Protein backbone atom coordinates (compact mmCIF):
# COMPACT_ATOMS: atom_id res chain seq x y z
CA MET A 1 189.90 105.27 159.88
CA LYS A 2 188.14 102.11 161.07
CA HIS A 3 185.27 102.22 163.54
CA ASN A 4 185.36 99.37 166.04
CA PHE A 5 181.89 98.31 167.15
CA ARG A 6 180.71 97.02 170.49
CA THR A 7 177.16 95.79 171.15
CA TYR A 8 175.05 96.67 174.21
CA LEU A 9 171.72 95.08 175.09
CA ILE A 10 168.99 97.57 175.90
CA THR A 11 165.49 97.47 177.39
CA ASP A 12 164.37 101.10 177.11
CA PHE A 13 164.51 101.76 173.37
CA SER A 14 162.37 104.94 173.27
CA VAL A 15 164.18 106.65 176.14
CA LEU A 16 167.64 105.64 174.93
CA LYS A 17 166.85 106.91 171.45
CA GLN A 18 166.04 110.36 172.85
CA GLN A 19 169.10 110.30 175.12
CA MET A 20 171.33 109.39 172.18
CA LEU A 21 169.99 112.24 170.07
CA SER A 22 170.37 114.70 172.95
CA TRP A 23 173.93 113.49 173.62
CA CYS A 24 174.92 113.93 169.96
CA ASN A 25 173.35 117.37 169.65
CA ASN A 26 174.86 118.71 172.87
CA ARG A 27 178.42 117.59 172.18
CA PHE A 28 179.04 117.97 168.47
CA ASN A 29 178.78 120.64 165.79
CA ILE A 30 177.87 118.05 163.21
CA CYS A 31 175.56 115.05 163.45
CA SER A 32 173.23 113.04 161.24
CA PHE A 33 170.48 111.15 163.04
CA LEU A 34 168.62 108.94 160.53
CA ASP A 35 165.37 107.63 161.94
CA ASN A 36 163.15 104.87 160.46
CA HIS A 37 160.27 104.86 163.00
CA HIS A 38 159.62 101.11 162.67
CA TYR A 39 158.57 101.14 159.02
CA ARG A 40 159.29 97.98 157.08
CA LEU A 41 159.74 99.30 153.58
CA PRO A 42 161.80 97.39 150.97
CA GLY A 43 165.52 97.92 151.50
CA ASN A 44 165.46 99.38 155.01
CA SER A 45 168.23 97.93 157.15
CA TYR A 46 168.58 100.22 160.18
CA GLU A 47 165.93 101.34 162.65
CA CYS A 48 168.17 104.23 163.61
CA LEU A 49 171.62 105.08 162.21
CA VAL A 50 173.67 107.97 163.54
CA GLY A 51 176.98 109.62 162.72
CA CYS A 52 178.34 112.42 164.92
CA GLY A 53 181.56 114.33 165.38
CA GLU A 54 184.01 114.87 162.57
CA ILE A 55 187.26 113.15 161.73
CA SER A 56 187.15 114.70 158.28
CA VAL A 57 184.57 117.02 156.74
CA LEU A 58 184.03 118.40 153.23
CA GLN A 59 181.72 121.39 152.69
CA LEU A 60 181.37 122.87 149.22
CA ASN A 61 179.08 124.93 147.03
CA ALA A 62 178.35 124.05 143.42
CA GLY A 63 181.16 124.57 140.94
CA THR A 64 183.51 121.60 141.15
CA ALA A 65 181.84 120.11 144.24
CA LEU A 66 181.11 116.65 142.81
CA GLU A 67 184.64 116.27 141.44
CA GLN A 68 186.10 117.23 144.83
CA LEU A 69 183.62 114.96 146.60
CA GLN A 70 184.74 111.96 144.54
CA GLN A 71 188.39 112.62 145.44
CA TRP A 72 187.44 112.92 149.12
CA LEU A 73 185.40 109.69 149.01
CA LEU A 74 188.39 107.83 147.55
CA GLN A 75 190.59 109.17 150.36
CA HIS A 76 188.10 107.77 152.87
CA GLU A 77 187.18 104.57 151.11
CA GLY A 78 186.14 101.82 153.52
CA GLU A 79 184.94 104.30 156.14
CA TRP A 80 181.49 105.49 157.25
CA ARG A 81 180.49 108.75 155.55
CA PHE A 82 177.36 110.78 156.25
CA GLY A 83 176.15 113.96 154.58
CA HIS A 84 173.81 115.87 152.33
CA LEU A 85 173.28 116.89 148.72
CA GLY A 86 171.60 120.25 148.11
CA TYR A 87 169.17 120.82 145.25
CA ASP A 88 171.43 123.57 143.89
CA LEU A 89 174.06 121.06 142.83
CA LYS A 90 172.00 121.34 139.64
CA THR A 91 174.17 124.40 139.02
CA GLU A 92 177.09 122.18 138.05
CA ILE A 93 175.14 119.14 136.84
CA GLU A 94 172.96 121.12 134.39
CA SER A 95 174.58 124.61 134.42
CA LEU A 96 171.46 126.10 136.01
CA PRO A 97 172.42 128.55 138.79
CA SER A 98 169.98 129.94 141.35
CA LEU A 99 169.82 133.69 141.93
CA HIS A 100 167.80 133.44 145.15
CA GLU A 101 169.43 134.01 148.54
CA ASN A 102 170.60 131.10 150.73
CA LYS A 103 169.03 131.84 154.11
CA THR A 104 169.30 128.47 155.86
CA GLY A 105 173.11 128.37 155.82
CA PHE A 106 173.53 124.85 154.42
CA SER A 107 176.20 124.45 151.75
CA ASP A 108 175.30 122.74 148.49
CA LEU A 109 177.20 119.66 149.62
CA CYS A 110 178.57 118.40 152.92
CA PHE A 111 180.01 115.01 153.84
CA PHE A 112 181.87 113.91 156.95
CA VAL A 113 183.59 110.88 158.44
CA PRO A 114 182.09 110.69 161.94
CA GLU A 115 183.93 110.17 165.19
CA TYR A 116 181.11 107.90 166.38
CA VAL A 117 178.57 105.69 164.59
CA PHE A 118 175.49 104.32 166.34
CA GLN A 119 173.20 101.54 165.11
CA LEU A 120 170.11 101.28 167.28
CA SER A 121 167.41 98.60 167.25
CA GLU A 122 164.67 97.68 169.72
CA THR A 123 166.96 95.32 171.61
CA GLU A 124 170.52 96.56 171.15
CA LEU A 125 172.80 99.51 170.53
CA LYS A 126 175.96 99.09 168.51
CA ILE A 127 178.53 101.82 169.16
CA GLY A 128 181.28 102.33 166.61
CA SER A 129 184.25 104.39 167.77
CA VAL A 130 187.73 105.15 166.49
CA ASN A 131 188.83 105.82 170.08
CA ASN A 132 187.83 102.46 171.61
CA ASP A 133 185.85 104.32 174.29
CA GLN A 134 182.52 102.57 173.67
CA ASP A 135 181.87 101.74 177.35
CA LEU A 136 182.37 105.37 178.37
CA ILE A 137 180.09 106.63 175.60
CA PHE A 138 177.35 104.12 176.48
CA HIS A 139 177.38 105.24 180.12
CA GLU A 140 177.35 108.91 179.10
CA ILE A 141 174.33 108.35 176.86
CA LYS A 142 172.50 106.43 179.58
CA ALA A 143 173.17 109.32 181.99
CA GLU A 144 171.99 112.03 179.56
CA GLN A 145 169.33 114.22 181.15
CA LEU A 146 166.32 114.86 178.92
CA SER A 147 164.49 118.17 178.92
CA SER A 148 160.77 117.56 179.37
CA THR A 149 159.54 121.05 178.52
CA GLN A 150 159.90 123.37 175.58
CA THR A 151 159.86 127.11 176.03
CA LYS A 152 157.80 128.33 173.10
CA GLN A 153 158.20 131.76 171.60
CA PRO A 154 155.39 133.03 169.39
CA LEU A 155 156.24 132.48 165.73
CA GLN A 156 154.83 134.71 163.04
CA ILE A 157 154.76 132.47 160.00
CA LYS A 158 154.61 134.37 156.73
CA GLU A 159 153.96 133.14 153.22
CA ARG A 160 156.54 133.97 150.56
CA ILE A 161 153.78 134.16 147.95
CA SER A 162 150.06 134.72 148.37
CA LYS A 163 147.44 132.18 147.40
CA GLU A 164 146.44 134.48 144.51
CA VAL A 165 150.00 134.50 143.14
CA TYR A 166 150.20 130.72 143.60
CA VAL A 167 146.99 130.18 141.60
CA ASP A 168 148.15 132.53 138.82
CA THR A 169 151.50 130.75 138.62
CA ILE A 170 149.85 127.34 138.31
CA GLU A 171 147.80 128.65 135.40
CA THR A 172 150.99 129.95 133.76
CA ILE A 173 152.65 126.55 134.23
CA ARG A 174 149.62 124.86 132.64
CA LYS A 175 150.15 127.10 129.58
CA HIS A 176 153.76 125.89 129.37
CA ILE A 177 152.46 122.31 129.45
CA LEU A 178 149.88 123.07 126.76
CA ARG A 179 152.65 124.49 124.55
CA GLY A 180 154.65 121.30 125.01
CA ASP A 181 157.46 122.88 127.06
CA CYS A 182 157.04 120.19 129.72
CA TYR A 183 154.69 117.45 130.92
CA GLU A 184 154.84 117.80 134.68
CA LEU A 185 156.49 120.36 136.99
CA ASN A 186 156.95 120.23 140.75
CA TYR A 187 156.13 123.75 141.94
CA CYS A 188 156.94 124.75 145.54
CA MET A 189 156.31 127.68 147.87
CA GLU A 190 157.94 128.77 151.12
CA PHE A 191 156.58 129.69 154.53
CA PHE A 192 159.02 131.39 156.89
CA ALA A 193 159.56 133.18 160.17
CA GLU A 194 162.20 135.75 161.08
CA ASN A 195 163.59 136.32 164.57
CA ALA A 196 162.44 132.80 165.45
CA VAL A 197 163.67 131.28 168.71
CA LEU A 198 163.45 127.51 168.55
CA ASP A 199 164.72 124.45 170.40
CA PRO A 200 165.58 122.19 167.42
CA LEU A 201 165.68 119.04 169.53
CA GLN A 202 162.22 119.53 171.01
CA CYS A 203 160.85 120.63 167.65
CA TYR A 204 162.13 117.47 165.95
CA LYS A 205 160.66 115.33 168.72
CA ALA A 206 157.27 117.05 168.34
CA LEU A 207 157.33 116.78 164.54
CA THR A 208 158.15 113.08 164.49
CA THR A 209 155.63 112.37 167.25
CA ILE A 210 152.87 113.82 165.07
CA SER A 211 154.32 112.55 161.80
CA PRO A 212 156.76 109.63 162.24
CA ASN A 213 158.05 108.74 158.78
CA PRO A 214 160.58 106.20 157.47
CA PHE A 215 163.18 108.68 156.18
CA SER A 216 163.18 111.13 159.05
CA ALA A 217 166.37 112.93 160.07
CA PHE A 218 167.72 115.32 162.66
CA TYR A 219 170.65 116.83 160.79
CA LYS A 220 172.94 119.53 162.15
CA VAL A 221 175.90 121.29 160.55
CA SER A 222 177.23 124.03 162.83
CA ASN A 223 174.28 126.38 163.37
CA SER A 224 172.07 125.06 160.56
CA TYR A 225 169.43 122.50 161.44
CA LEU A 226 167.26 120.22 159.31
CA LEU A 227 164.28 118.70 161.13
CA CYS A 228 162.99 116.22 158.59
CA ALA A 229 159.93 113.93 158.58
CA SER A 230 160.31 112.60 155.04
CA PRO A 231 158.39 109.56 153.78
CA GLU A 232 160.42 109.30 150.56
CA ARG A 233 163.60 107.54 149.45
CA PHE A 234 165.72 109.08 146.71
CA LEU A 235 168.22 106.32 146.02
CA ARG A 236 169.65 103.25 147.71
CA LYS A 237 172.53 101.04 146.58
CA GLU A 238 172.56 97.53 147.98
CA GLY A 239 175.32 95.42 146.47
CA SER A 240 174.97 95.96 142.73
CA ARG A 241 171.28 96.96 142.95
CA LEU A 242 170.03 100.55 142.78
CA ILE A 243 166.55 101.28 144.16
CA SER A 244 164.51 104.48 143.82
CA GLN A 245 161.04 104.99 145.33
CA PRO A 246 159.41 108.21 144.10
CA ILE A 247 156.15 109.47 145.63
CA LYS A 248 153.44 111.02 143.53
CA GLY A 249 149.90 110.88 144.88
CA THR A 250 148.58 112.09 148.26
CA ILE A 251 145.27 111.89 150.09
CA LYS A 252 144.34 112.78 153.66
CA ARG A 253 143.32 109.88 155.89
CA ASN A 254 140.15 109.61 157.98
CA ASN A 255 141.51 108.11 161.20
CA ALA A 256 138.13 108.40 162.93
CA ASP A 257 136.32 106.03 160.56
CA ALA A 258 138.00 102.81 159.37
CA VAL A 259 135.51 102.23 156.54
CA ALA A 260 135.79 105.79 155.22
CA ASP A 261 139.57 105.58 155.59
CA ASP A 262 139.71 102.45 153.43
CA LEU A 263 137.55 104.14 150.80
CA LEU A 264 140.04 107.02 150.67
CA LYS A 265 142.85 104.51 150.15
CA GLN A 266 140.95 103.00 147.22
CA GLN A 267 140.16 106.47 145.87
CA LEU A 268 143.86 107.33 145.73
CA TYR A 269 144.70 104.02 144.04
CA LYS A 270 142.08 104.60 141.34
CA SER A 271 142.78 108.33 140.85
CA ALA A 272 143.53 108.95 137.15
CA LYS A 273 145.29 112.23 137.95
CA ASP A 274 147.60 110.70 140.57
CA ARG A 275 148.33 107.66 138.40
CA SER A 276 149.22 109.98 135.53
CA GLU A 277 151.65 111.98 137.70
CA ASN A 278 153.12 108.82 139.19
CA VAL A 279 153.75 107.09 135.88
CA MET A 280 155.42 110.24 134.49
CA VAL A 281 157.94 110.28 137.32
CA VAL A 282 158.41 106.51 137.06
CA ASP A 283 159.34 106.93 133.38
CA LEU A 284 161.75 109.74 134.33
CA VAL A 285 163.43 107.62 137.03
CA ARG A 286 163.65 104.64 134.65
CA ASN A 287 165.40 106.88 132.16
CA ASP A 288 167.80 108.22 134.83
CA LEU A 289 168.66 104.74 136.10
CA SER A 290 169.15 103.40 132.57
CA ARG A 291 172.08 105.83 132.23
CA VAL A 292 173.99 104.11 135.06
CA CYS A 293 172.59 100.56 135.08
CA LYS A 294 173.41 97.55 132.94
CA GLU A 295 171.34 97.31 129.79
CA GLY A 296 168.02 95.55 130.25
CA THR A 297 168.15 95.48 134.07
CA VAL A 298 166.02 98.53 134.90
CA GLN A 299 162.54 97.43 135.97
CA VAL A 300 159.48 98.67 137.84
CA ASP A 301 159.20 96.44 140.91
CA GLU A 302 155.97 98.05 142.12
CA LEU A 303 153.67 100.51 140.38
CA PHE A 304 151.08 102.61 142.27
CA GLY A 305 151.77 101.08 145.68
CA ILE A 306 149.58 102.71 148.36
CA TYR A 307 151.38 103.16 151.68
CA SER A 308 149.92 104.22 155.01
CA PHE A 309 151.30 107.09 157.07
CA PRO A 310 149.76 108.65 160.18
CA GLN A 311 147.92 111.46 158.39
CA LEU A 312 148.19 110.52 154.72
CA TYR A 313 148.08 107.78 152.15
CA GLN A 314 150.86 108.08 149.57
CA MET A 315 151.25 106.49 146.14
CA ILE A 316 154.78 105.09 145.89
CA SER A 317 156.40 103.22 143.02
CA THR A 318 159.66 101.26 143.18
CA ILE A 319 162.16 101.18 140.32
CA SER A 320 165.43 99.22 140.38
CA GLY A 321 168.37 98.21 138.21
CA GLN A 322 171.79 96.57 138.34
CA VAL A 323 174.37 99.34 138.52
CA ASN A 324 177.39 99.42 136.24
CA GLU A 325 180.21 98.68 138.74
CA ALA A 326 182.67 100.87 136.83
CA LEU A 327 180.71 103.99 137.79
CA SER A 328 181.46 106.05 140.89
CA PHE A 329 179.05 107.51 143.44
CA THR A 330 179.24 110.92 141.76
CA ASP A 331 178.73 109.38 138.30
CA ILE A 332 175.44 108.00 139.62
CA LEU A 333 174.50 111.39 141.08
CA ARG A 334 175.15 113.21 137.80
CA ALA A 335 172.62 110.90 136.12
CA THR A 336 169.92 110.87 138.80
CA PHE A 337 170.07 114.10 140.84
CA PRO A 338 168.00 116.13 141.54
CA MET A 339 165.34 113.45 141.87
CA GLY A 340 162.51 113.35 139.34
CA SER A 341 159.72 113.50 141.91
CA MET A 342 160.88 117.00 142.93
CA THR A 343 161.55 118.34 139.44
CA GLY A 344 159.31 116.94 136.70
CA ALA A 345 159.73 116.10 133.04
CA PRO A 346 161.72 116.80 130.99
CA LYS A 347 164.04 117.43 133.91
CA ARG A 348 166.34 120.17 132.58
CA LYS A 349 163.50 122.27 131.15
CA VAL A 350 161.39 122.09 134.29
CA MET A 351 164.36 123.08 136.45
CA GLN A 352 164.68 126.21 134.29
CA LEU A 353 161.00 126.96 134.84
CA ILE A 354 161.27 126.23 138.58
CA GLU A 355 164.00 128.84 138.86
CA LEU A 356 161.86 131.27 136.88
CA TYR A 357 158.63 130.90 138.89
CA GLU A 358 159.64 129.91 142.41
CA GLN A 359 160.66 132.78 144.66
CA THR A 360 162.85 130.85 147.09
CA ARG A 361 166.20 129.12 146.84
CA ARG A 362 165.46 125.48 147.55
CA GLY A 363 168.86 124.75 149.06
CA LEU A 364 168.67 121.52 151.03
CA PHE A 365 164.92 121.22 150.40
CA SER A 366 164.34 118.59 147.68
CA GLY A 367 167.94 117.57 148.15
CA ALA A 368 168.97 114.44 150.03
CA VAL A 369 170.44 113.36 153.36
CA GLY A 370 171.94 109.94 153.98
CA TYR A 371 175.05 107.80 154.37
CA ILE A 372 177.63 105.77 152.50
CA ALA A 373 178.67 102.58 154.31
CA PRO A 374 182.24 101.19 154.34
CA THR A 375 181.10 98.61 151.74
CA GLY A 376 180.12 101.39 149.31
CA ASP A 377 176.38 100.75 149.77
CA PHE A 378 174.40 103.94 150.38
CA ASP A 379 170.93 105.22 151.17
CA PHE A 380 169.58 108.78 150.75
CA ASN A 381 166.17 110.28 151.39
CA VAL A 382 164.28 113.09 149.68
CA VAL A 383 164.29 116.17 151.91
CA ILE A 384 160.60 117.10 152.13
CA ARG A 385 158.15 117.66 155.04
CA SER A 386 160.98 119.49 156.78
CA ILE A 387 161.74 122.50 158.95
CA PHE A 388 164.96 124.43 158.35
CA TYR A 389 166.39 126.59 161.11
CA ASN A 390 169.44 128.84 161.27
CA ALA A 391 170.31 129.37 164.94
CA VAL A 392 172.52 132.39 164.19
CA THR A 393 170.14 134.43 162.04
CA ASN A 394 167.04 132.90 163.69
CA TYR A 395 165.56 132.28 160.26
CA LEU A 396 163.02 129.45 160.08
CA SER A 397 161.60 128.04 156.88
CA TYR A 398 159.54 125.21 155.45
CA ILE A 399 158.69 124.57 151.81
CA VAL A 400 155.88 122.54 150.29
CA GLY A 401 154.93 121.71 146.72
CA SER A 402 153.12 119.39 144.38
CA GLY A 403 153.37 118.00 140.88
CA ILE A 404 151.55 120.13 138.30
CA THR A 405 150.12 118.63 135.12
CA PHE A 406 147.76 120.13 132.54
CA TYR A 407 144.81 118.64 134.43
CA SER A 408 145.83 120.18 137.77
CA ASN A 409 143.31 122.35 139.60
CA ALA A 410 145.18 125.26 141.21
CA GLU A 411 142.87 125.48 144.24
CA GLN A 412 143.20 121.75 144.89
CA GLU A 413 146.98 121.86 144.47
CA TYR A 414 147.17 124.68 147.02
CA ASP A 415 145.10 122.64 149.46
CA GLU A 416 147.37 119.62 148.88
CA CYS A 417 150.40 121.75 149.76
CA LEU A 418 148.77 122.82 153.02
CA LEU A 419 147.88 119.20 153.75
CA LYS A 420 151.52 118.14 153.35
CA ALA A 421 152.55 120.90 155.77
CA ASP A 422 149.85 120.10 158.32
CA ALA A 423 152.18 118.38 160.81
CA ILE A 424 154.73 121.21 160.55
CA ARG A 425 152.07 123.86 161.12
CA LYS A 426 150.78 122.02 164.18
CA VAL A 427 154.30 121.85 165.66
CA LEU A 428 155.06 125.50 165.00
CA SER A 429 151.72 126.74 166.27
């Protein structure tokens, strides 16, 4: 079903952005609000892209989910499609099931054709509708009343594993690496709250005020919410070009001292440990892309790029290739998902070890949220730096992790995890 677009000039970008998000959340059971926060990274084409309401929706758990997804995508070819890919799709990609409980309520896969599509920039709002009611929708959004206060309930955040258990597990993983079972493993731990009462809209606003990142998302499916402040892209297709931008390497900024801050940036760039982790994941992504790209086209466009974020510097590399046009969206997923930055190398073995040593079902964490355009181009993030909230069970969760190599120091890795969760902890406190 074709969305007809109409363009409206705007002068109050920040207010309208909040009104649009509030309007979507209040009226629909499903919405995907993809938020760039003015970053100018390679390949970014929308400041804010939104799909809400459902003309058609597909929700599945792993089994034959990718096969059914491909059939559904063909049925809706030439339409806008938004959705998510859960980490546990590995169950059917690599025959590696998870035995942990799904507490956030997200299915392993969900895609929908939206009733409305919004493309927002600093100067204009494009409204795509199948109902030709763009004028009405624009006036409704402009009239949306914003809540200025958030009623906070005390949250008792608990750790799924203690620091002592975390340190012991890292040492066990290092023994696996020493034996040659793997080279690098992304190990994660969960923090959670039960009986949590939360306003997801206000929480997302607070999170992205503290930590505005280029692959942020407010994503809602029924009563399950993802409040995401991700800095990382999983995979983008632009014409025949595939782009992946894994992150490996993190250091806290010193925003009070410009000279010291620049020294930290240089320290991250020169860090042998972070370079080692980064190049491992770059090799893994190159291998994944080579399975779906034309021979000889996979290349590293940027190695060890240092990018600035409000609280952190991150080491990001960019890998690209010319995709084999005969392959479908799900063919590409089977070769590249889950993403190497959230698994490790070799991918199948480390996913076995992740299931063995982590004590939480990842679910949508370290999965991806994004869109497929009518042209077939797509863009998906890596779901990290995120809060998950189930409004029925009142279960709240966030997960953090880091890449473990033989040279990892368990205490430092634990501190890095807390650093990555700093913005989330500030919001929830």
